Every structure is written in C-alpha cells, then in structure tokens.
Amino acid sequence: EPINKILEIEGDKSLSIRFALLASQSDKKSKATNLLKSEDVLTTLNCLRKLGVKIKFKKKICEINGLGLNGYKYKKNITLNAGNSGTLARLIMGLLIHTKNEIKIIGDKSLSKRDFYRITKPLNKFGAKFKTNSGKLPITIKGTSFAKPIKYFETRGSAQCKSSVMLAALNTNGQTLIKAKKSRNHSELLFKYLKLPIKIIKKNKYDIIEILGEKQFKSFNYFVPGDISSSAFFIVLTLLLKNSKLTIKNVNINPTRTRIIKIINKMGGKIKFKKKKKICGEIVADIFVQSQK
C-alpha cells in the first residue's frame, strides 16, 4: 500500500565512532545525541571502557568522561576486540602510540583478513612498535614516551589511514604534515568543529593537512546526524511503492556519502534535499522521496 511517512534515523556510524574516540581525549564530560547503537559503535565504547573511560547512556544521550590527551589507563594484558569494525581498529591505534604496556588488538574472522601494514607503517614513524600477523590481526602495540611528529603521504585515498595518523598527531608534540589523496573528510570536519589546531590546503587530487599536537581541548556536545547508509533501505522501498512519499529528517549529506542519491536520480527517481544546514561541522538535510504514480 502507498505510504506517506516522516522518519528519523539513528546517527551516522563513521561520526559516532569518531565522536567516541575524540570525546575520550577531551578534558571532561562530552555528550552526543542520536549516537548510533550498532554493533561497531558499541564495540568502540567497550574498548574505551577497557582503557579506563567511563561511559553511560541517559535516554538518547551518550555521555563520555574524557581522560585528556594521552590519559588512557594502561593496565597489563589488555586485549581490545574490534569485532568487525575496521574504522575502530585502525583509528584507535593512532591513540595508543603512547601506551606503556603492550596492548593486543584482535577482530573477527573477516577483519582479521584485512591489511594493517598501511596503519602500522606510518604509526611506527611516530615511535610506536608493532608485532603483526604478516600485516594482519592480531596486532600487539607498544607505545613510546618520545613520540615525534612525522611527514606522511597517504596514497590510497583511505579516510581510515588518514584519520589514524591525525589522531596520533593530536597526541604528539610538534607539527605533523599529511599529504593525503582525496577521501572522506569526517575527521577534518570534527577537528575543525572542536577548534583543534588543524590547517587544510585543498588541491585538485590531494589535501595538505597540518596538525599541531598536544593541544588539550574541552569537552563538547555533539549531534550525530542520521546515517545515509541506513536511510538507503527506506528510500529504495518508498520508490518501489506507487503514490508514496517519505521524508527522512536530519541526514548527513556529506558529498562523499551521497553517491546513491545521484545514481537513483539518474535512474528516474525523485529525491531532493530540503532544509540544508550545518550541524557540528557536517552538512545535514531532510531527504524527500516521491515515487511514481
């Protein structure tokens, strides 16, 4: 039967994970509204708890008590299980380059097949030491007390590689320089929103990113816009029903995430962005979908 609905979708996964990791580094209690409660995000929160971070939910708000830069509590024999989340496994390594005790990072069968040399090689330049399974999980990391800033050329167009180095740079005294092939810019936008010392020079095929590390930042409030990947199912369903309309409110429409909308519209779909605005540094809009009669 035809539908005419207004929906709100839980928060963007990439932003939910990045919020949690950065909130753990802030000076006090940070709060996020509309945090995605998917397996990957809950796994992120569990890993942070193992590092001494206190986290709790109050209705739709997630509260994370930050420990400050390099403030994690490194107990002996810590194992962090990243599950299926490549974003978590790769990004959190950037925050562990100062660990005094060895930390083991594991994942599920699928994640354990993925390459991590692309992360361990640049982080090794900061001074951290790694033991890997031929570049794959499980990986053991031992940090350094004398981390030094680096120059890093990211050639894959990987937001995960870039973000891991950015987080390591945040915790390292001095200026880190990153030349990165174009990729998703969620980390850069979040750094800017938090007024962290970051400078970005955009070129045609790559960006130059400069980060001045060890600048403590304050706790913050964050609204996680709706996840466009989750929204896609409802968008397609509406288009398959005759005489139907759907509005999905406050969805993240970062240009690196909206290719599905462009493709569907080329196929004859009618999808529009309405009420565009900036929320916490990200471009957010209501997505309006109308099927054929």
Protein backbone atom coordinates (compact mmCIF):
# COMPACT_ATOMS: atom_id res chain seq x y z
CA GLU A 1 0.00 0.00 0.00
CA PRO A 2 1.14 3.61 -0.54
CA ILE A 3 2.92 5.31 2.34
CA ASN A 4 3.35 8.91 3.46
CA LYS A 5 5.82 8.91 6.34
CA ILE A 6 8.31 11.05 8.23
CA LEU A 7 11.25 9.16 9.73
CA GLU A 8 14.27 9.90 11.89
CA ILE A 9 17.23 7.54 11.50
CA GLU A 10 19.89 6.80 14.11
CA GLY A 11 23.24 8.52 13.78
CA ASP A 12 25.96 8.09 11.15
CA LYS A 13 28.30 5.20 12.03
CA SER A 14 31.55 6.91 10.99
CA LEU A 15 30.71 10.00 13.01
CA SER A 16 29.53 8.00 16.03
CA ILE A 17 32.87 6.18 16.25
CA ARG A 18 34.86 9.37 15.73
CA PHE A 19 32.84 11.19 18.40
CA ALA A 20 33.55 8.43 20.93
CA LEU A 21 37.29 8.37 20.24
CA LEU A 22 37.71 12.16 20.38
CA ALA A 23 35.41 12.54 23.39
CA SER A 24 37.67 10.10 25.26
CA GLN A 25 40.53 12.57 24.70
CA SER A 26 38.69 15.70 25.88
CA ASP A 27 39.19 17.22 29.31
CA LYS A 28 35.77 16.44 30.87
CA LYS A 29 32.31 15.03 30.05
CA SER A 30 31.20 15.15 26.40
CA LYS A 31 27.68 14.36 25.26
CA ALA A 32 26.31 13.02 21.97
CA THR A 33 22.68 12.97 20.91
CA ASN A 34 21.49 10.36 18.39
CA LEU A 35 24.59 8.16 18.67
CA LEU A 36 24.19 5.02 16.58
CA LYS A 37 23.83 1.92 18.78
CA SER A 38 25.07 -0.54 16.18
CA GLU A 39 27.49 -3.37 16.92
CA ASP A 40 30.53 -1.41 15.65
CA VAL A 41 29.77 1.61 17.84
CA LEU A 42 29.01 -0.44 20.96
CA THR A 43 32.28 -2.33 20.36
CA THR A 44 34.07 1.05 20.27
CA LEU A 45 32.56 2.01 23.62
CA ASN A 46 33.57 -1.34 25.15
CA CYS A 47 37.19 -0.86 24.01
CA LEU A 48 37.27 2.63 25.52
CA ARG A 49 35.94 1.26 28.82
CA LYS A 50 38.89 -1.16 28.90
CA LEU A 51 41.15 1.89 28.67
CA GLY A 52 39.56 3.47 31.75
CA VAL A 53 36.95 5.69 30.06
CA LYS A 54 33.60 5.98 31.86
CA ILE A 55 30.58 5.92 29.54
CA LYS A 56 26.84 5.88 30.17
CA PHE A 57 23.57 6.44 28.34
CA LYS A 58 20.76 8.70 29.51
CA LYS A 59 17.80 8.15 27.20
CA LYS A 60 19.02 9.36 23.77
CA ILE A 61 22.24 10.92 25.10
CA CYS A 62 25.61 9.19 25.39
CA GLU A 63 27.95 10.68 27.99
CA ILE A 64 31.70 10.06 27.80
CA ASN A 65 34.03 11.25 30.54
CA GLY A 66 37.21 12.24 28.73
CA LEU A 67 40.60 11.50 30.25
CA GLY A 68 42.51 14.17 28.33
CA LEU A 69 45.25 13.69 25.76
CA ASN A 70 47.29 10.56 26.49
CA GLY A 71 45.09 9.97 29.53
CA TYR A 72 44.15 6.33 28.98
CA LYS A 73 44.79 3.94 31.87
CA TYR A 74 47.05 1.21 30.52
CA LYS A 75 46.68 -1.90 32.63
CA LYS A 76 48.70 -5.00 31.88
CA ASN A 77 47.50 -7.62 29.39
CA ILE A 78 44.77 -5.51 27.78
CA THR A 79 43.13 -7.04 24.70
CA LEU A 80 40.87 -4.83 22.59
CA ASN A 81 38.39 -6.70 20.40
CA ALA A 82 37.42 -4.54 17.41
CA GLY A 83 34.90 -7.08 16.16
CA ASN A 84 34.11 -6.33 12.52
CA SER A 85 34.99 -2.61 12.67
CA GLY A 86 37.93 -1.57 10.53
CA THR A 87 37.25 2.05 11.46
CA LEU A 88 37.66 1.29 15.16
CA ALA A 89 40.70 -0.99 14.81
CA ARG A 90 42.62 1.41 12.59
CA LEU A 91 41.68 4.70 14.25
CA ILE A 92 42.20 3.62 17.85
CA MET A 93 45.77 2.57 17.05
CA GLY A 94 46.55 6.24 16.49
CA LEU A 95 45.51 6.94 20.09
CA LEU A 96 47.63 4.12 21.52
CA ILE A 97 51.10 5.22 20.38
CA HIS A 98 51.97 6.25 23.96
CA THR A 99 50.88 3.07 25.75
CA LYS A 100 53.44 1.96 28.34
CA ASN A 101 52.22 -1.65 28.33
CA GLU A 102 51.67 -3.85 25.33
CA ILE A 103 48.10 -3.85 24.02
CA LYS A 104 46.73 -6.58 21.79
CA ILE A 105 44.14 -5.76 19.14
CA ILE A 106 42.01 -8.56 17.69
CA GLY A 107 38.98 -8.77 15.44
CA ASP A 108 36.53 -11.21 13.92
CA LYS A 109 37.35 -13.59 11.06
CA SER A 110 36.54 -11.01 8.38
CA LEU A 111 38.52 -8.13 9.92
CA SER A 112 41.47 -10.44 10.56
CA LYS A 113 41.91 -10.85 6.80
CA ARG A 114 42.38 -7.13 6.17
CA ASP A 115 45.69 -5.32 5.72
CA PHE A 116 47.03 -3.27 8.63
CA TYR A 117 50.51 -2.52 7.34
CA ARG A 118 49.00 0.67 5.92
CA ILE A 119 48.41 1.74 9.55
CA THR A 120 51.38 0.27 11.40
CA LYS A 121 53.99 1.67 8.99
CA PRO A 122 53.15 5.38 9.49
CA LEU A 123 52.47 4.92 13.23
CA ASN A 124 55.85 3.24 13.56
CA LYS A 125 57.42 6.51 12.40
CA PHE A 126 55.94 8.22 15.48
CA GLY A 127 57.95 5.75 17.59
CA ALA A 128 55.39 3.02 18.40
CA LYS A 129 56.38 -0.64 17.95
CA PHE A 130 54.14 -3.31 16.41
CA LYS A 131 54.02 -7.08 16.20
CA THR A 132 51.66 -8.22 13.45
CA ASN A 133 50.45 -11.42 11.82
CA SER A 134 52.07 -10.67 8.44
CA GLY A 135 50.42 -7.27 8.49
CA LYS A 136 47.08 -8.56 9.77
CA LEU A 137 45.36 -9.01 13.13
CA PRO A 138 46.10 -9.90 15.84
CA ILE A 139 48.44 -6.95 16.37
CA THR A 140 50.36 -6.01 19.50
CA ILE A 141 51.31 -2.36 20.01
CA LYS A 142 53.88 -0.97 22.43
CA GLY A 143 53.98 2.80 22.66
CA THR A 144 56.76 5.30 23.15
CA SER A 145 57.46 8.06 25.64
CA PHE A 146 59.27 10.05 22.96
CA ALA A 147 56.80 10.34 20.10
CA LYS A 148 57.88 12.67 17.32
CA PRO A 149 55.80 14.35 14.59
CA ILE A 150 56.08 12.92 11.08
CA LYS A 151 55.53 13.67 7.42
CA TYR A 152 53.08 11.20 5.86
CA PHE A 153 52.00 10.71 2.25
CA GLU A 154 48.67 8.84 2.08
CA THR A 155 48.28 7.46 -1.47
CA ARG A 156 45.29 5.09 -1.18
CA GLY A 157 42.50 7.58 -0.64
CA SER A 158 41.76 5.91 2.70
CA ALA A 159 40.00 8.02 5.33
CA GLN A 160 40.87 5.38 7.95
CA CYS A 161 44.63 5.62 7.31
CA LYS A 162 44.50 9.41 7.26
CA SER A 163 42.39 9.60 10.42
CA SER A 164 44.63 7.21 12.36
CA VAL A 165 47.64 9.42 11.66
CA MET A 166 45.61 12.53 12.54
CA LEU A 167 44.73 11.07 15.95
CA ALA A 168 48.35 10.12 16.57
CA ALA A 169 49.39 13.65 15.60
CA LEU A 170 46.87 15.07 18.07
CA ASN A 171 48.76 13.32 20.87
CA THR A 172 52.28 14.18 19.66
CA ASN A 173 54.19 17.36 20.40
CA GLY A 174 55.06 19.32 17.26
CA GLN A 175 53.62 19.66 13.77
CA THR A 176 52.66 16.61 11.71
CA LEU A 177 52.28 17.09 7.96
CA ILE A 178 49.94 14.85 5.96
CA LYS A 179 49.62 14.82 2.19
CA ALA A 180 46.50 12.76 1.54
CA LYS A 181 44.71 11.60 -1.58
CA LYS A 182 41.09 12.78 -1.58
CA SER A 183 38.84 10.75 0.74
CA ARG A 184 36.04 11.23 3.26
CA ASN A 185 36.68 14.28 5.41
CA HIS A 186 34.70 13.50 8.58
CA SER A 187 37.78 13.67 10.80
CA GLU A 188 38.87 17.03 9.39
CA LEU A 189 35.38 18.50 9.93
CA LEU A 190 35.28 17.21 13.50
CA PHE A 191 38.74 18.62 14.23
CA LYS A 192 37.57 22.00 12.93
CA TYR A 193 34.35 21.85 14.95
CA LEU A 194 36.41 21.23 18.10
CA LYS A 195 38.75 24.10 17.14
CA LEU A 196 41.76 21.83 17.18
CA PRO A 197 44.92 23.27 15.59
CA ILE A 198 44.45 21.93 12.05
CA LYS A 199 45.21 23.63 8.74
CA ILE A 200 43.96 22.20 5.43
CA ILE A 201 45.13 23.22 1.96
CA LYS A 202 42.95 21.68 -0.77
CA LYS A 203 44.50 20.71 -4.09
CA ASN A 204 42.85 19.04 -7.09
CA LYS A 205 43.84 15.45 -6.28
CA TYR A 206 45.04 15.65 -2.68
CA ASP A 207 44.88 17.71 0.51
CA ILE A 208 47.71 19.04 2.67
CA ILE A 209 46.85 18.70 6.36
CA GLU A 210 48.92 20.25 9.13
CA ILE A 211 48.22 19.36 12.77
CA LEU A 212 49.88 20.91 15.80
CA GLY A 213 49.78 18.28 18.53
CA GLU A 214 49.39 18.14 22.28
CA LYS A 215 46.85 20.96 22.43
CA GLN A 216 44.33 19.94 25.08
CA PHE A 217 40.71 20.57 24.11
CA LYS A 218 37.49 20.99 26.06
CA SER A 219 34.60 18.57 26.35
CA PHE A 220 31.84 19.16 23.83
CA ASN A 221 28.24 18.46 22.85
CA TYR A 222 27.60 16.76 19.53
CA PHE A 223 24.55 15.85 17.45
CA VAL A 224 25.16 12.83 15.23
CA PRO A 225 23.18 13.34 12.01
CA GLY A 226 21.25 10.42 10.54
CA ASP A 227 23.10 7.66 8.72
CA ILE A 228 22.56 7.78 4.94
CA SER A 229 23.53 4.11 4.61
CA SER A 230 20.67 3.14 6.93
CA SER A 231 18.37 5.61 5.15
CA ALA A 232 19.05 3.96 1.78
CA PHE A 233 16.83 0.96 2.57
CA PHE A 234 13.80 3.14 3.27
CA ILE A 235 14.50 5.34 0.23
CA VAL A 236 14.53 2.36 -2.13
CA LEU A 237 11.47 0.82 -0.50
CA THR A 238 9.50 4.04 -1.00
CA LEU A 239 10.48 4.23 -4.67
CA LEU A 240 9.20 0.68 -5.19
CA LEU A 241 5.74 1.66 -3.88
CA LYS A 242 3.33 3.64 -6.05
CA ASN A 243 1.98 7.03 -4.92
CA SER A 244 4.30 7.14 -1.90
CA LYS A 245 6.19 9.90 -0.11
CA LEU A 246 8.89 9.78 2.53
CA THR A 247 10.81 12.41 4.47
CA ILE A 248 13.88 11.38 6.46
CA LYS A 249 14.93 14.17 8.80
CA ASN A 250 18.44 15.43 9.61
CA VAL A 251 20.53 13.07 7.48
CA ASN A 252 24.26 13.56 6.93
CA ILE A 253 24.67 14.52 3.25
CA ASN A 254 28.44 14.94 3.18
CA PRO A 255 29.27 14.93 -0.58
CA THR A 256 31.43 11.83 -0.10
CA ARG A 257 28.36 9.88 1.09
CA THR A 258 25.57 10.77 -1.35
CA ARG A 259 26.50 8.83 -4.50
CA ILE A 260 23.47 6.56 -4.05
CA ILE A 261 21.16 9.56 -4.37
CA LYS A 262 22.84 10.67 -7.60
CA ILE A 263 22.60 7.17 -9.07
CA ILE A 264 18.93 6.70 -8.17
CA ASN A 265 18.01 10.10 -9.59
CA LYS A 266 19.77 9.13 -12.86
CA MET A 267 17.51 6.06 -12.92
CA GLY A 268 14.42 8.28 -12.76
CA GLY A 269 13.93 8.55 -9.01
CA LYS A 270 12.74 11.76 -7.39
CA ILE A 271 14.89 12.52 -4.37
CA LYS A 272 15.52 16.02 -3.06
CA PHE A 273 17.45 17.58 -0.19
CA LYS A 274 15.44 20.07 1.86
CA LYS A 275 16.29 22.36 4.79
CA LYS A 276 20.05 22.12 4.31
CA LYS A 277 22.08 23.30 7.28
CA LYS A 278 25.37 22.80 9.09
CA ILE A 279 25.27 20.88 12.36
CA CYS A 280 28.51 20.30 14.27
CA GLY A 281 30.51 20.91 11.10
CA GLU A 282 28.62 18.43 8.87
CA ILE A 283 26.11 19.23 6.10
CA VAL A 284 22.69 17.95 7.16
CA ALA A 285 19.35 17.95 5.33
CA ASP A 286 15.91 16.35 5.20
CA ILE A 287 15.74 13.80 2.38
CA PHE A 288 12.42 13.89 0.49
CA VAL A 289 11.48 10.89 -1.66
CA GLN A 290 8.48 10.65 -4.00
CA SER A 291 7.61 7.55 -6.01
CA GLN A 292 5.89 7.42 -9.41
CA LYS A 293 2.12 7.35 -9.66
